[in-house]
Amino acid sequence: MRKLLLALPLVSGHAFAGIEISGIIDVTYEVATSGGDTVERVTGAGLSANRIQFKADQALTDDLSVKGVYEAMYNPHSDDDMGKREAYAQIISKRWGTLSAGRQDTPSANAYGYADPLFGNEYSLINNVSVFYAPWREDRSLMYISPRIEGFEFRGMATQGEKDGSRDGRVYSVALDYWADSPWYFSGALDRKYQRNLWDKDTMEYATDLYLTAVYSMGKTDLTAVYHRYTGYYAYAPWVDFESNGSDLQLGLRHNFGNKHNVAVSLIYKDDRKDEALSDAAGINLGYIYNYDENIDLYGVYAYIHHKRDSDVRYPISWNLESPLSDENPEGMQLGVRFKF
């Protein structure tokens, strides 16, 4: 694995037999408190997930083309096997839209991902507090993406779910966004996921998530907002399940100073109305990025999540740390370098 990683920068931007290879190597020094312990380590994937992507596309006619993408995640400090991040194939028509099948982001994730001030970094409050156990990247999915007409684009997805003929694991996601020649971006998205109750296999549960997203651009500054309303049954088999009902609001800012310096701020407040397994919470995520050159970024990131009360299920600052204890408020800092090839 390490020999492969050393060779990746040498093939950056190259195509072999019509296949384009690109990716990211991200290494970070981290100090974080979670799970009743403070860890100090050098790890990967602070600002971006470590990945390598293979992409191929081919025009069939003036209107039709096909594209295939396989993207794997990797850890630059171990010999662990690569894990599949995205893998999908598309038939693209400029006139009629795109049909996409495989493992890919939901239509909702496409919207709130753009509004995330740091675009889904390891400490992302949108990923870790807002979305939490809701669907966001799904296997065995079929998605339709419409052409953008008068600034509007529609996305709709359905997944196969488990291969047992039931609705277990089935996800439906739809989104409509507006992006035209103006400083505004708007999106509304709705997700529904079906899942068997972890303790009663005869009971089919479901959860519903609504996302309203807005981004306002002022030159080199973006102001972002994501409102999320959720209700239903959420589970991560076989360890965690709970019923919940509530909402959260994320407000963010990203700014480029017109040179190599960038800052980002993300704030979130979560109001869990059921107030049982989950707690109300507030969080902050701060980031600074120095663009050393076109392919290398140096960065620092800080995050903290404060829970209003003790609870069985806690919001993490990172899914790569031990889960916070029932009375713990996780906190972390990362200093790293990201290389894009």
Protein backbone atom coordinates (compact mmCIF):
# COMPACT_ATOMS: atom_id res chain seq x y z
CA MET A 1 0.00 0.00 0.00
CA ARG A 2 2.71 2.50 0.92
CA LYS A 3 4.53 1.89 -2.36
CA LEU A 4 1.29 2.69 -4.17
CA LEU A 5 0.86 5.94 -2.23
CA LEU A 6 4.40 7.04 -3.09
CA ALA A 7 3.66 6.48 -6.77
CA LEU A 8 0.29 8.30 -6.83
CA PRO A 9 1.69 11.86 -7.20
CA LEU A 10 3.63 10.70 -10.26
CA VAL A 11 0.40 9.85 -12.10
CA SER A 12 -1.44 12.97 -10.98
CA GLY A 13 -3.71 14.32 -13.71
CA HIS A 14 -2.75 11.54 -16.13
CA ALA A 15 -5.13 9.28 -18.02
CA PHE A 16 -4.42 5.69 -18.94
CA ALA A 17 -6.59 4.07 -21.62
CA GLY A 18 -9.19 6.80 -21.07
CA ILE A 19 -9.08 6.55 -17.25
CA GLU A 20 -8.30 9.72 -15.29
CA ILE A 21 -6.63 9.26 -11.91
CA SER A 22 -6.83 11.85 -9.12
CA GLY A 23 -6.98 11.95 -5.35
CA ILE A 24 -6.06 13.45 -1.99
CA ILE A 25 -3.48 12.63 0.67
CA ASP A 26 -4.31 14.35 3.97
CA VAL A 27 -2.12 13.94 7.07
CA THR A 28 -2.90 15.68 10.36
CA TYR A 29 -1.64 15.99 13.92
CA GLU A 30 -4.61 15.73 16.27
CA VAL A 31 -5.28 16.34 19.95
CA ALA A 32 -8.84 15.45 20.96
CA THR A 33 -10.91 14.57 24.03
CA SER A 34 -13.65 11.97 23.57
CA GLY A 35 -14.64 8.65 25.08
CA GLY A 36 -13.21 9.56 28.46
CA ASP A 37 -9.68 9.97 27.14
CA THR A 38 -7.46 12.58 25.49
CA VAL A 39 -5.67 11.30 22.39
CA GLU A 40 -2.61 12.82 20.75
CA ARG A 41 -1.77 11.28 17.40
CA VAL A 42 -0.77 11.69 13.78
CA THR A 43 -3.60 10.44 11.62
CA GLY A 44 -5.20 10.96 8.23
CA ALA A 45 -8.20 12.74 6.77
CA GLY A 46 -8.52 15.99 8.72
CA LEU A 47 -9.67 18.45 6.08
CA SER A 48 -10.59 15.85 3.44
CA ALA A 49 -10.94 12.08 3.30
CA ASN A 50 -7.88 10.35 1.91
CA ARG A 51 -8.92 9.01 -1.45
CA ILE A 52 -7.98 7.90 -4.93
CA GLN A 53 -10.44 8.26 -7.79
CA PHE A 54 -10.58 6.52 -11.16
CA LYS A 55 -12.87 8.22 -13.67
CA ALA A 56 -13.65 7.40 -17.27
CA ASP A 57 -16.07 9.14 -19.63
CA GLN A 58 -16.92 8.69 -23.27
CA ALA A 59 -19.11 10.69 -25.67
CA LEU A 60 -21.53 8.52 -27.64
CA THR A 61 -23.35 11.20 -29.65
CA ASP A 62 -23.60 14.98 -29.57
CA ASP A 63 -26.19 14.59 -26.81
CA LEU A 64 -25.31 11.32 -25.03
CA SER A 65 -22.26 10.34 -23.00
CA VAL A 66 -21.38 7.79 -20.33
CA LYS A 67 -19.24 8.14 -17.21
CA GLY A 68 -17.95 5.74 -14.60
CA VAL A 69 -16.40 6.67 -11.23
CA TYR A 70 -14.72 4.46 -8.63
CA GLU A 71 -13.38 6.23 -5.55
CA ALA A 72 -11.63 4.45 -2.69
CA MET A 73 -10.64 5.75 0.75
CA TYR A 74 -7.28 4.89 2.26
CA ASN A 75 -5.11 5.51 5.33
CA PRO A 76 -1.55 6.63 4.47
CA HIS A 77 -0.20 5.24 7.76
CA SER A 78 -1.32 1.63 7.55
CA ASP A 79 -1.54 -1.38 5.28
CA ASP A 80 -5.29 -1.69 5.78
CA ASP A 81 -7.37 -2.53 2.74
CA MET A 82 -8.94 0.33 0.85
CA GLY A 83 -12.62 1.01 1.49
CA LYS A 84 -15.10 1.93 -1.22
CA ARG A 85 -16.19 5.58 -0.97
CA GLU A 86 -18.18 6.06 -4.18
CA ALA A 87 -18.75 3.78 -7.17
CA TYR A 88 -21.31 4.66 -9.81
CA ALA A 89 -22.04 4.70 -13.54
CA GLN A 90 -23.94 7.40 -15.40
CA ILE A 91 -25.74 7.87 -18.70
CA ILE A 92 -25.79 11.61 -19.40
CA SER A 93 -28.05 13.48 -21.82
CA LYS A 94 -27.69 17.25 -22.14
CA ARG A 95 -31.34 17.41 -23.13
CA TRP A 96 -33.02 14.86 -20.84
CA GLY A 97 -30.74 14.68 -17.80
CA THR A 98 -28.59 12.05 -16.07
CA LEU A 99 -29.34 8.55 -14.85
CA SER A 100 -26.85 7.40 -12.21
CA ALA A 101 -26.57 4.00 -10.49
CA GLY A 102 -24.32 2.63 -7.75
CA ARG A 103 -22.96 3.92 -4.43
CA GLN A 104 -23.36 7.71 -4.34
CA ASP A 105 -24.42 10.70 -2.25
CA THR A 106 -28.11 11.36 -1.71
CA PRO A 107 -29.68 14.42 -3.38
CA SER A 108 -29.93 16.04 0.07
CA ALA A 109 -26.18 15.56 0.71
CA ASN A 110 -25.40 17.34 -2.55
CA ALA A 111 -27.19 20.44 -1.18
CA TYR A 112 -26.04 20.67 2.43
CA GLY A 113 -22.53 19.58 1.43
CA TYR A 114 -22.13 22.81 -0.55
CA ALA A 115 -23.36 24.84 2.43
CA ASP A 116 -20.87 23.27 4.83
CA PRO A 117 -18.22 25.99 5.37
CA LEU A 118 -15.39 23.40 5.26
CA PHE A 119 -17.14 21.08 2.77
CA GLY A 120 -17.50 18.08 5.06
CA ASN A 121 -14.22 18.02 6.97
CA GLU A 122 -13.61 15.45 9.73
CA TYR A 123 -15.04 17.81 12.39
CA SER A 124 -18.01 18.91 10.26
CA LEU A 125 -20.97 19.94 12.41
CA ILE A 126 -23.38 19.29 9.56
CA ASN A 127 -22.16 15.71 9.17
CA ASN A 128 -21.67 14.90 12.86
CA VAL A 129 -24.51 16.79 14.57
CA SER A 130 -27.14 17.63 11.98
CA VAL A 131 -27.15 14.58 9.68
CA PHE A 132 -25.87 12.24 12.44
CA TYR A 133 -27.51 8.83 11.73
CA ALA A 134 -29.63 10.03 8.78
CA PRO A 135 -28.84 8.69 5.26
CA TRP A 136 -26.25 10.53 3.14
CA ARG A 137 -24.27 8.07 0.95
CA GLU A 138 -26.07 4.94 -0.14
CA ASP A 139 -25.33 1.63 -1.88
CA ARG A 140 -27.43 0.07 -4.64
CA SER A 141 -29.05 3.38 -5.54
CA LEU A 142 -30.62 4.73 -8.72
CA MET A 143 -30.74 8.51 -9.16
CA TYR A 144 -32.14 10.86 -11.79
CA ILE A 145 -30.67 14.37 -12.20
CA SER A 146 -32.62 16.75 -14.42
CA PRO A 147 -31.08 19.37 -16.70
CA ARG A 148 -30.88 22.78 -15.06
CA ILE A 149 -33.83 24.79 -16.42
CA GLU A 150 -34.27 28.46 -15.55
CA GLY A 151 -31.87 27.88 -12.66
CA PHE A 152 -33.76 24.88 -11.21
CA GLU A 153 -32.44 21.32 -10.97
CA PHE A 154 -34.24 18.26 -9.60
CA ARG A 155 -32.62 15.14 -8.13
CA GLY A 156 -34.46 11.99 -7.10
CA MET A 157 -33.01 8.76 -5.66
CA ALA A 158 -34.28 5.36 -4.58
CA THR A 159 -32.20 2.53 -3.15
CA GLN A 160 -32.71 -1.22 -3.27
CA GLY A 161 -32.13 -1.69 0.45
CA GLU A 162 -31.47 -5.14 1.86
CA LYS A 163 -31.79 -8.06 -0.55
CA ASP A 164 -34.67 -9.75 1.28
CA GLY A 165 -37.65 -8.37 -0.61
CA SER A 166 -38.61 -6.01 2.22
CA ARG A 167 -38.22 -2.26 2.65
CA ASP A 168 -35.38 -2.75 5.16
CA GLY A 169 -32.62 -0.24 4.42
CA ARG A 170 -34.54 1.36 1.57
CA VAL A 171 -33.95 5.10 1.14
CA TYR A 172 -35.90 7.65 -0.90
CA SER A 173 -34.41 11.12 -1.38
CA VAL A 174 -35.54 14.09 -3.47
CA ALA A 175 -34.15 17.61 -3.79
CA LEU A 176 -34.87 20.74 -5.80
CA ASP A 177 -32.31 23.52 -5.94
CA TYR A 178 -32.00 26.92 -7.56
CA TRP A 179 -28.68 28.26 -8.80
CA ALA A 180 -28.63 30.93 -11.49
CA ASP A 181 -26.83 34.16 -12.32
CA SER A 182 -27.31 35.62 -8.84
CA PRO A 183 -25.51 35.52 -5.49
CA TRP A 184 -28.11 33.12 -4.05
CA TYR A 185 -28.25 29.33 -3.89
CA PHE A 186 -31.39 27.66 -2.48
CA SER A 187 -32.30 24.02 -1.95
CA GLY A 188 -35.05 21.97 -0.37
CA ALA A 189 -34.60 18.21 0.20
CA LEU A 190 -36.60 15.39 1.76
CA ASP A 191 -35.30 11.94 2.81
CA ARG A 192 -37.18 8.86 4.03
CA LYS A 193 -35.38 5.73 5.30
CA TYR A 194 -36.95 2.40 6.26
CA GLN A 195 -35.18 0.11 8.74
CA ARG A 196 -35.99 -2.93 10.83
CA ASN A 197 -36.14 -2.39 14.57
CA LEU A 198 -32.89 -3.74 15.99
CA TRP A 199 -34.71 -5.64 18.76
CA ASP A 200 -37.89 -6.65 16.92
CA LYS A 201 -37.16 -7.89 13.40
CA ASP A 202 -40.89 -8.00 12.57
CA THR A 203 -41.27 -4.24 13.06
CA MET A 204 -40.35 -1.92 10.19
CA GLU A 205 -39.46 1.59 11.36
CA TYR A 206 -38.79 4.74 9.36
CA ALA A 207 -37.31 8.21 9.72
CA THR A 208 -37.96 11.41 7.80
CA ASP A 209 -35.50 14.29 7.33
CA LEU A 210 -36.18 17.69 5.76
CA TYR A 211 -33.33 20.06 4.78
CA LEU A 212 -33.64 23.70 3.71
CA THR A 213 -30.36 25.20 2.50
CA ALA A 214 -29.28 28.71 1.51
CA VAL A 215 -25.92 30.16 0.48
CA TYR A 216 -25.30 33.85 -0.25
CA SER A 217 -22.06 34.79 -2.02
CA MET A 218 -20.49 38.24 -1.74
CA GLY A 219 -17.33 38.18 -3.80
CA LYS A 220 -14.85 36.17 -1.74
CA THR A 221 -17.28 35.58 1.15
CA ASP A 222 -20.03 32.95 1.44
CA LEU A 223 -22.72 33.02 4.13
CA THR A 224 -24.42 29.64 4.62
CA ALA A 225 -27.45 28.28 6.46
CA VAL A 226 -28.95 24.78 6.78
CA TYR A 227 -32.22 24.13 8.63
CA HIS A 228 -32.91 20.46 9.39
CA ARG A 229 -36.18 18.98 10.69
CA TYR A 230 -36.14 15.30 11.68
CA THR A 231 -38.48 12.70 13.14
CA GLY A 232 -38.59 8.92 13.44
CA TYR A 233 -36.42 5.91 14.22
CA TYR A 234 -32.63 6.03 13.73
CA ALA A 235 -30.22 3.15 14.17
CA TYR A 236 -26.66 2.04 13.52
CA ALA A 237 -26.74 -1.74 13.72
CA PRO A 238 -26.01 -3.48 15.96
CA TRP A 239 -25.01 -0.91 18.59
CA VAL A 240 -27.29 2.14 18.66
CA ASP A 241 -30.96 2.88 18.05
CA PHE A 242 -33.36 5.55 19.25
CA GLU A 243 -36.51 7.47 18.36
CA SER A 244 -36.23 11.22 18.06
CA ASN A 245 -38.01 14.34 16.96
CA GLY A 246 -36.49 17.80 16.62
CA SER A 247 -34.65 20.35 14.51
CA ASP A 248 -31.28 22.02 14.13
CA LEU A 249 -29.90 25.14 12.49
CA GLN A 250 -26.39 25.60 11.13
CA LEU A 251 -25.01 29.05 10.27
CA GLY A 252 -21.66 29.39 8.59
CA LEU A 253 -19.15 31.66 6.89
CA ARG A 254 -16.18 31.06 4.61
CA HIS A 255 -13.92 33.84 3.41
CA ASN A 256 -10.92 34.08 1.12
CA PHE A 257 -8.72 37.10 1.79
CA GLY A 258 -7.84 37.45 -1.87
CA ASN A 259 -4.53 35.66 -1.59
CA LYS A 260 -3.53 32.37 0.02
CA HIS A 261 -5.44 32.75 3.30
CA ASN A 262 -8.91 31.30 4.00
CA VAL A 263 -11.05 31.10 7.13
CA ALA A 264 -14.27 29.23 7.91
CA VAL A 265 -16.71 29.33 10.81
CA SER A 266 -19.59 26.93 11.47
CA LEU A 267 -22.08 27.21 14.35
CA ILE A 268 -24.93 24.83 15.10
CA TYR A 269 -27.77 24.55 17.60
CA LYS A 270 -29.81 21.35 17.94
CA ASP A 271 -33.23 21.29 19.63
CA ASP A 272 -34.27 17.69 20.31
CA ARG A 273 -37.92 17.90 21.24
CA LYS A 274 -38.23 14.31 22.45
CA ASP A 275 -35.38 14.99 24.92
CA GLU A 276 -34.79 11.33 25.80
CA ALA A 277 -31.91 9.49 24.09
CA LEU A 278 -30.53 12.74 22.68
CA SER A 279 -29.80 16.11 24.26
CA ASP A 280 -30.08 19.66 23.01
CA ALA A 281 -26.62 20.76 21.93
CA ALA A 282 -24.57 23.59 20.47
CA GLY A 283 -21.31 23.34 18.55
CA ILE A 284 -18.57 25.37 16.91
CA ASN A 285 -16.13 24.47 14.13
CA LEU A 286 -13.32 26.88 13.16
CA GLY A 287 -10.91 26.44 10.29
CA TYR A 288 -7.94 28.18 8.71
CA ILE A 289 -6.44 27.10 5.36
CA TYR A 290 -3.23 28.36 3.77
CA ASN A 291 -2.99 27.59 0.04
CA TYR A 292 0.74 26.91 -0.24
CA ASP A 293 0.38 26.24 -3.95
CA GLU A 294 -2.19 24.83 -6.37
CA ASN A 295 -1.92 21.30 -4.94
CA ILE A 296 -0.84 21.77 -1.31
CA ASP A 297 -2.87 23.23 1.58
CA LEU A 298 -1.79 23.74 5.19
CA TYR A 299 -4.61 23.95 7.74
CA GLY A 300 -5.74 24.15 11.33
CA VAL A 301 -9.20 23.10 12.57
CA TYR A 302 -10.89 23.29 15.99
CA ALA A 303 -14.26 21.88 17.11
CA TYR A 304 -16.27 21.70 20.32
CA ILE A 305 -19.77 20.34 21.03
CA HIS A 306 -21.63 21.22 24.23
CA HIS A 307 -24.57 19.05 25.32
CA LYS A 308 -27.24 20.61 27.49
CA ARG A 309 -27.69 17.51 29.68
CA ASP A 310 -26.42 13.97 30.16
CA SER A 311 -27.73 11.58 27.50
CA ASP A 312 -27.26 8.01 26.29
CA VAL A 313 -26.40 9.10 22.73
CA ARG A 314 -23.89 11.92 22.16
CA TYR A 315 -22.86 13.89 19.10
CA PRO A 316 -19.22 13.23 18.15
CA ILE A 317 -16.71 15.73 16.82
CA SER A 318 -15.34 12.84 14.72
CA TRP A 319 -16.50 9.33 13.85
CA ASN A 320 -12.86 8.20 14.06
CA LEU A 321 -12.69 8.83 17.82
CA GLU A 322 -14.25 6.87 20.68
CA SER A 323 -17.88 7.86 21.26
CA PRO A 324 -18.30 10.56 23.93
CA LEU A 325 -19.39 9.44 27.39
CA SER A 326 -22.92 10.25 28.56
CA ASP A 327 -21.71 13.36 30.46
CA GLU A 328 -18.88 14.38 28.08
CA ASN A 329 -18.58 17.31 25.68
CA PRO A 330 -16.05 16.35 22.97
CA GLU A 331 -13.36 18.77 21.80
CA GLY A 332 -10.55 18.53 19.26
CA MET A 333 -7.85 20.33 17.30
CA GLN A 334 -6.06 19.34 14.08
CA LEU A 335 -3.00 20.75 12.29
CA GLY A 336 -2.39 19.17 8.92
CA VAL A 337 -1.35 19.21 5.28
CA ARG A 338 -3.47 18.20 2.28
CA PHE A 339 -1.92 17.21 -1.04
CA LYS A 340 -4.12 17.02 -4.12
CA PHE A 341 -2.99 15.09 -7.18
